């Protein structure tokens, strides 16, 4: 399982301002839990930081940890959202997963993290 402890953060350099940070990983892979075949996706992380930003090398290693995981698209997208939300506690966060076509279907799954008040 991908370990959320891999995720490292650094202080937001402009916490007084809302600004959008967007990172897209074009090489995300996981395994179909039904067939064991690889699934491929572009994963976009879009967030407005509060106190912390995610360090990119750690995000890459976190994503790579999914390579041998058997998960449905929906589960992977929501788990990424939960893990990044817990690590960053951002003002807002959306994970947009654009899954590549296989068997005639392509899928887009979007998960939003809601800050607890």
Protein backbone atom coordinates (compact mmCIF):
# COMPACT_ATOMS: atom_id res chain seq x y z
CA UNK A 1 0.00 0.00 0.00
CA UNK A 2 1.13 3.53 -0.73
CA UNK A 3 2.40 5.00 2.50
CA UNK A 4 1.16 8.51 3.25
CA UNK A 5 4.20 8.94 5.54
CA UNK A 6 6.27 9.30 2.34
CA UNK A 7 4.66 12.72 1.81
CA UNK A 8 6.93 15.55 2.93
CA UNK A 9 5.92 19.18 3.26
CA UNK A 10 7.53 22.59 3.54
CA UNK A 11 6.17 25.91 4.85
CA UNK A 12 3.92 27.89 2.53
CA UNK A 13 6.03 30.89 1.43
CA UNK A 14 2.94 33.14 1.11
CA UNK A 15 0.34 32.03 3.69
CA UNK A 16 -1.29 35.47 3.65
CA UNK A 17 -2.51 34.89 0.07
CA UNK A 18 -4.79 32.39 -1.64
CA UNK A 19 -3.01 31.07 -4.72
CA UNK A 20 -3.54 27.87 -6.66
CA UNK A 21 -0.83 25.22 -6.84
CA UNK A 22 -1.27 22.57 -9.52
CA UNK A 23 0.94 19.53 -10.08
CA UNK A 24 0.24 16.89 -12.73
CA UNK A 25 1.86 13.47 -12.69
CA UNK A 26 1.66 11.86 -16.14
CA UNK A 27 3.03 8.44 -15.20
CA UNK A 28 0.66 7.19 -12.50
CA UNK A 29 0.05 3.45 -12.59
CA UNK A 30 -1.87 1.01 -10.46
CA UNK A 31 -3.35 -2.41 -11.12
CA UNK A 32 -6.91 -3.38 -11.97
CA UNK A 33 -8.12 -5.45 -9.01
CA UNK A 34 -10.23 -7.62 -11.32
CA UNK A 35 -7.70 -8.49 -14.04
CA UNK A 36 -4.31 -7.51 -12.62
CA UNK A 37 -3.67 -5.45 -15.77
CA UNK A 38 -2.01 -2.05 -15.35
CA UNK A 39 -4.12 1.10 -15.27
CA UNK A 40 -2.58 4.41 -16.31
CA UNK A 41 -3.63 7.92 -15.33
CA UNK A 42 -2.69 11.56 -15.33
CA UNK A 43 -3.19 12.68 -11.74
CA UNK A 44 -3.59 16.41 -11.13
CA UNK A 45 -3.29 17.77 -7.60
CA UNK A 46 -4.85 21.25 -7.40
CA UNK A 47 -4.84 23.02 -4.05
CA UNK A 48 -4.72 26.29 -2.16
CA UNK A 49 -2.19 25.85 0.60
CA UNK A 50 -2.72 26.97 4.15
CA UNK A 51 0.45 26.45 6.18
CA UNK A 52 2.11 23.67 4.16
CA UNK A 53 2.99 22.75 0.57
CA UNK A 54 3.86 19.28 -0.69
CA UNK A 55 7.46 18.54 -1.70
CA UNK A 56 7.49 17.15 -5.26
CA UNK A 57 10.02 14.35 -4.93
CA UNK A 58 8.05 12.91 -2.03
CA UNK A 59 4.83 13.24 -4.07
CA UNK A 60 6.46 11.34 -6.94
CA UNK A 61 7.59 8.55 -4.59
CA UNK A 62 4.12 8.44 -3.05
CA UNK A 63 2.54 8.03 -6.49
CA UNK A 64 5.08 5.36 -7.49
CA UNK A 65 4.08 3.33 -4.42
CA UNK A 66 0.74 2.61 -6.13
CA UNK A 67 2.36 0.66 -9.00
CA UNK A 68 1.66 -2.77 -7.53
CA UNK A 69 -1.62 -1.89 -5.82
CA UNK A 70 -4.85 -3.42 -7.03
CA UNK A 71 -7.43 -0.63 -6.72
CA UNK A 72 -10.45 0.64 -8.60
CA UNK A 73 -10.11 4.14 -10.09
CA UNK A 74 -12.51 5.60 -7.54
CA UNK A 75 -10.66 4.11 -4.57
CA UNK A 76 -7.24 5.29 -5.73
CA UNK A 77 -8.44 8.84 -6.43
CA UNK A 78 -10.21 9.17 -3.08
CA UNK A 79 -7.30 7.70 -1.13
CA UNK A 80 -4.88 10.18 -2.73
CA UNK A 81 -7.28 12.98 -1.78
CA UNK A 82 -7.55 11.77 1.82
CA UNK A 83 -3.79 11.31 2.23
CA UNK A 84 -2.88 14.72 0.77
CA UNK A 85 -5.67 16.42 2.70
CA UNK A 86 -4.42 14.92 5.96
CA UNK A 87 -0.79 15.83 5.22
CA UNK A 88 -1.40 19.39 4.00
CA UNK A 89 -4.65 20.52 5.66
CA UNK A 90 -5.09 22.91 2.73
CA UNK A 91 -7.69 25.63 2.27
CA UNK A 92 -8.97 23.61 -0.69
CA UNK A 93 -7.87 20.50 -2.58
CA UNK A 94 -9.04 18.63 -5.66
CA UNK A 95 -7.59 15.48 -7.16
CA UNK A 96 -8.44 15.01 -10.84
CA UNK A 97 -7.57 11.56 -12.15
CA UNK A 98 -7.81 11.11 -15.93
CA UNK A 99 -7.65 7.37 -16.49
CA UNK A 100 -6.42 6.18 -19.90
CA UNK A 101 -8.75 4.23 -22.17
CA UNK A 102 -8.86 0.47 -21.82
CA UNK A 103 -11.64 -1.74 -23.11
CA UNK A 104 -13.21 1.22 -24.92
CA UNK A 105 -13.64 3.42 -21.83
CA UNK A 106 -11.71 6.34 -20.41
CA UNK A 107 -12.70 7.72 -17.03
CA UNK A 108 -12.22 10.93 -15.07
CA UNK A 109 -12.62 10.78 -11.30
CA UNK A 110 -12.51 14.01 -9.26
CA UNK A 111 -12.34 14.04 -5.47
CA UNK A 112 -12.45 17.16 -3.31
CA UNK A 113 -11.13 17.44 0.22
CA UNK A 114 -13.23 19.44 2.64
CA UNK A 115 -11.52 21.14 5.53
CA UNK A 116 -12.96 20.28 8.91
CA UNK A 117 -14.03 23.30 10.89
